[in-house]
């Protein structure tokens, strides 16, 4: 397929599913570049994603070896952008135009299709502010939300579990055609 996707990875227990997703992308000849938040780095090492994707993993906005700002370079270098697992925090930042880290700055500079696959506690997902932010993303930015599923969560049961990897993968393929 020879397409390239940026994957923004946030801190959440569902982060392990992104390893399987990157493997599926690689088998489909879809190159991935991973941008991790600081919280994501608390769950797994960037080395894990670097090894699976065979690409540099980005965690910091300050790359002193380049003249071009890193967030602009990353935004221009992809056909599609996915954030998964997307936390309530990153959803709120994007919906409100906050660009205070590499991931949120790159998304702000990205002008193509954006997919967001939320993953969070059921109460966080059902919070009216989170739902307002989701509506804002859909209405103003035409973001496609890959809805979270109902099932076992780290804190019990309910809606908030990251969608199945196969569902996310199919959404990526559909949007790259």
Protein backbone atom coordinates (compact mmCIF):
# COMPACT_ATOMS: atom_id res chain seq x y z
CA UNK A 1 0.00 0.00 0.00
CA UNK A 2 3.02 2.31 0.62
CA UNK A 3 1.12 4.69 2.90
CA UNK A 4 2.31 6.29 6.11
CA UNK A 5 0.39 6.79 9.33
CA UNK A 6 1.29 8.75 12.43
CA UNK A 7 0.16 7.11 15.65
CA UNK A 8 -0.16 9.23 18.76
CA UNK A 9 0.08 7.02 21.82
CA UNK A 10 -1.18 8.28 25.18
CA UNK A 11 -0.76 6.80 28.65
CA UNK A 12 -3.32 4.12 29.33
CA UNK A 13 -3.43 0.43 30.08
CA UNK A 14 -4.67 -0.29 26.53
CA UNK A 15 -1.28 0.81 25.16
CA UNK A 16 -0.25 -2.83 24.73
CA UNK A 17 -2.85 -3.23 21.95
CA UNK A 18 -1.00 -0.69 19.80
CA UNK A 19 1.92 -3.14 19.47
CA UNK A 20 -0.39 -5.60 17.71
CA UNK A 21 -1.81 -2.79 15.56
CA UNK A 22 1.64 -1.71 14.38
CA UNK A 23 2.43 -5.32 13.48
CA UNK A 24 -0.74 -5.51 11.37
CA UNK A 25 0.13 -2.23 9.66
CA UNK A 26 3.62 -3.46 8.88
CA UNK A 27 2.23 -6.65 7.30
CA UNK A 28 -0.04 -4.46 5.14
CA UNK A 29 2.95 -2.33 4.03
CA UNK A 30 1.66 0.70 5.94
CA UNK A 31 4.54 2.53 7.56
CA UNK A 32 3.96 3.93 11.04
CA UNK A 33 5.66 6.72 12.93
CA UNK A 34 4.88 6.81 16.65
CA UNK A 35 4.60 9.90 18.82
CA UNK A 36 4.38 9.12 22.54
CA UNK A 37 3.25 11.36 25.37
CA UNK A 38 5.21 11.45 28.63
CA UNK A 39 2.47 9.39 30.25
CA UNK A 40 2.72 6.75 27.53
CA UNK A 41 6.43 6.42 28.32
CA UNK A 42 5.45 5.50 31.89
CA UNK A 43 3.62 2.43 30.57
CA UNK A 44 6.12 1.22 27.94
CA UNK A 45 9.52 2.19 26.66
CA UNK A 46 9.79 3.98 23.30
CA UNK A 47 12.21 1.18 22.37
CA UNK A 48 9.28 -1.23 22.16
CA UNK A 49 7.54 0.83 19.46
CA UNK A 50 10.83 1.55 17.71
CA UNK A 51 11.55 -2.17 17.46
CA UNK A 52 8.07 -3.10 16.21
CA UNK A 53 7.73 -0.21 13.72
CA UNK A 54 11.38 -0.17 12.60
CA UNK A 55 11.18 3.64 12.81
CA UNK A 56 12.26 6.40 15.13
CA UNK A 57 9.82 7.03 17.98
CA UNK A 58 9.22 10.63 18.98
CA UNK A 59 8.70 11.75 22.56
CA UNK A 60 10.11 15.27 22.70
CA UNK A 61 9.44 18.38 20.62
CA UNK A 62 13.02 19.54 20.81
CA UNK A 63 15.15 17.94 18.13
CA UNK A 64 18.22 20.13 17.94
CA UNK A 65 19.68 18.39 14.89
CA UNK A 66 16.92 19.73 12.61
CA UNK A 67 16.25 23.29 11.54
CA UNK A 68 12.59 22.57 10.72
CA UNK A 69 10.31 22.33 13.80
CA UNK A 70 9.70 18.66 14.55
CA UNK A 71 5.91 18.92 14.94
CA UNK A 72 5.63 20.49 11.48
CA UNK A 73 7.90 17.88 9.91
CA UNK A 74 5.91 15.02 11.49
CA UNK A 75 2.56 16.54 10.48
CA UNK A 76 3.62 16.84 6.85
CA UNK A 77 5.05 13.32 6.74
CA UNK A 78 1.83 11.25 7.04
CA UNK A 79 -1.25 10.34 5.04
CA UNK A 80 -3.38 9.70 8.15
CA UNK A 81 -3.18 10.34 11.90
CA UNK A 82 -4.47 8.00 14.62
CA UNK A 83 -4.47 8.66 18.34
CA UNK A 84 -4.84 5.42 20.30
CA UNK A 85 -5.29 4.97 23.13
CA UNK A 86 -6.68 8.49 23.31
CA UNK A 87 -7.11 9.75 26.85
CA UNK A 88 -9.65 12.31 28.05
CA UNK A 89 -6.68 14.67 28.43
CA UNK A 90 -5.54 14.58 24.79
CA UNK A 91 -9.15 14.74 23.57
CA UNK A 92 -9.67 17.87 25.67
CA UNK A 93 -6.43 19.44 24.48
CA UNK A 94 -7.22 18.92 20.80
CA UNK A 95 -10.85 20.04 21.14
CA UNK A 96 -9.72 23.26 22.81
CA UNK A 97 -6.68 24.03 20.66
CA UNK A 98 -4.11 23.37 23.37
CA UNK A 99 -0.72 22.49 21.87
CA UNK A 100 1.65 22.07 24.79
CA UNK A 101 3.51 18.88 23.89
CA UNK A 102 4.77 17.14 20.76
CA UNK A 103 1.62 15.11 20.15
CA UNK A 104 -0.88 17.95 20.56
CA UNK A 105 1.32 20.33 18.54
CA UNK A 106 1.67 17.81 15.71
CA UNK A 107 -2.09 17.20 15.62
CA UNK A 108 -2.70 20.96 15.51
CA UNK A 109 -0.41 21.23 12.47
CA UNK A 110 -1.88 18.15 10.73
CA UNK A 111 -4.38 18.95 7.96
CA UNK A 112 -5.53 15.52 6.79
CA UNK A 113 -7.81 12.84 8.25
CA UNK A 114 -7.61 12.32 12.03
CA UNK A 115 -8.88 9.16 13.76
CA UNK A 116 -9.27 9.01 17.53
CA UNK A 117 -9.75 5.76 19.45
CA UNK A 118 -10.59 6.68 23.06
CA UNK A 119 -9.77 4.50 26.03
CA UNK A 120 -10.61 5.48 29.60
CA UNK A 121 -12.60 4.80 32.74
CA UNK A 122 -16.37 4.59 32.17
CA UNK A 123 -16.99 7.66 34.34
CA UNK A 124 -14.40 9.65 32.42
CA UNK A 125 -15.96 8.58 29.11
CA UNK A 126 -19.47 9.51 30.29
CA UNK A 127 -18.34 12.83 31.77
CA UNK A 128 -20.31 15.64 30.08
CA UNK A 129 -17.12 17.60 29.40
CA UNK A 130 -15.51 14.62 27.65
CA UNK A 131 -18.67 14.14 25.59
CA UNK A 132 -18.73 17.86 24.70
CA UNK A 133 -15.08 17.61 23.58
CA UNK A 134 -15.93 14.57 21.43
CA UNK A 135 -18.78 16.53 19.80
CA UNK A 136 -16.47 19.49 19.20
CA UNK A 137 -13.95 17.22 17.45
CA UNK A 138 -16.64 15.71 15.25
CA UNK A 139 -18.28 19.03 14.34
CA UNK A 140 -15.36 21.38 13.85
CA UNK A 141 -12.49 19.14 12.84
CA UNK A 142 -14.44 16.30 11.19
CA UNK A 143 -12.52 13.85 13.33
CA UNK A 144 -13.62 10.23 13.10
CA UNK A 145 -14.09 8.66 16.53
CA UNK A 146 -13.56 4.91 16.77
CA UNK A 147 -15.97 4.41 19.64
CA UNK A 148 -14.79 2.65 22.79
CA UNK A 149 -16.37 -0.69 23.63
CA UNK A 150 -18.17 -1.97 26.66
CA UNK A 151 -16.31 -4.58 28.66
CA UNK A 152 -13.69 -5.14 31.32
CA UNK A 153 -11.70 -2.06 32.28
CA UNK A 154 -8.78 -1.71 34.68
CA UNK A 155 -11.31 -0.32 37.19
CA UNK A 156 -14.25 -2.64 36.57
CA UNK A 157 -16.75 -2.90 33.71
CA UNK A 158 -18.41 -0.39 31.42
CA UNK A 159 -17.97 1.60 28.23
CA UNK A 160 -14.45 2.94 27.78
CA UNK A 161 -12.37 0.00 26.61
CA UNK A 162 -10.26 0.64 23.51
CA UNK A 163 -11.92 -0.69 20.40
CA UNK A 164 -10.61 -4.03 19.14
CA UNK A 165 -7.38 -3.83 17.13
CA UNK A 166 -9.10 -5.33 14.08
CA UNK A 167 -11.73 -2.56 14.13
CA UNK A 168 -9.05 0.14 14.36
CA UNK A 169 -7.05 -1.53 11.58
CA UNK A 170 -10.10 -1.68 9.27
CA UNK A 171 -10.78 2.02 9.92
CA UNK A 172 -7.20 2.84 8.99
CA UNK A 173 -7.39 0.84 5.76
CA UNK A 174 -10.74 2.41 4.83
CA UNK A 175 -9.32 5.91 5.32
CA UNK A 176 -6.11 5.27 3.39
CA UNK A 177 -7.82 4.13 0.19
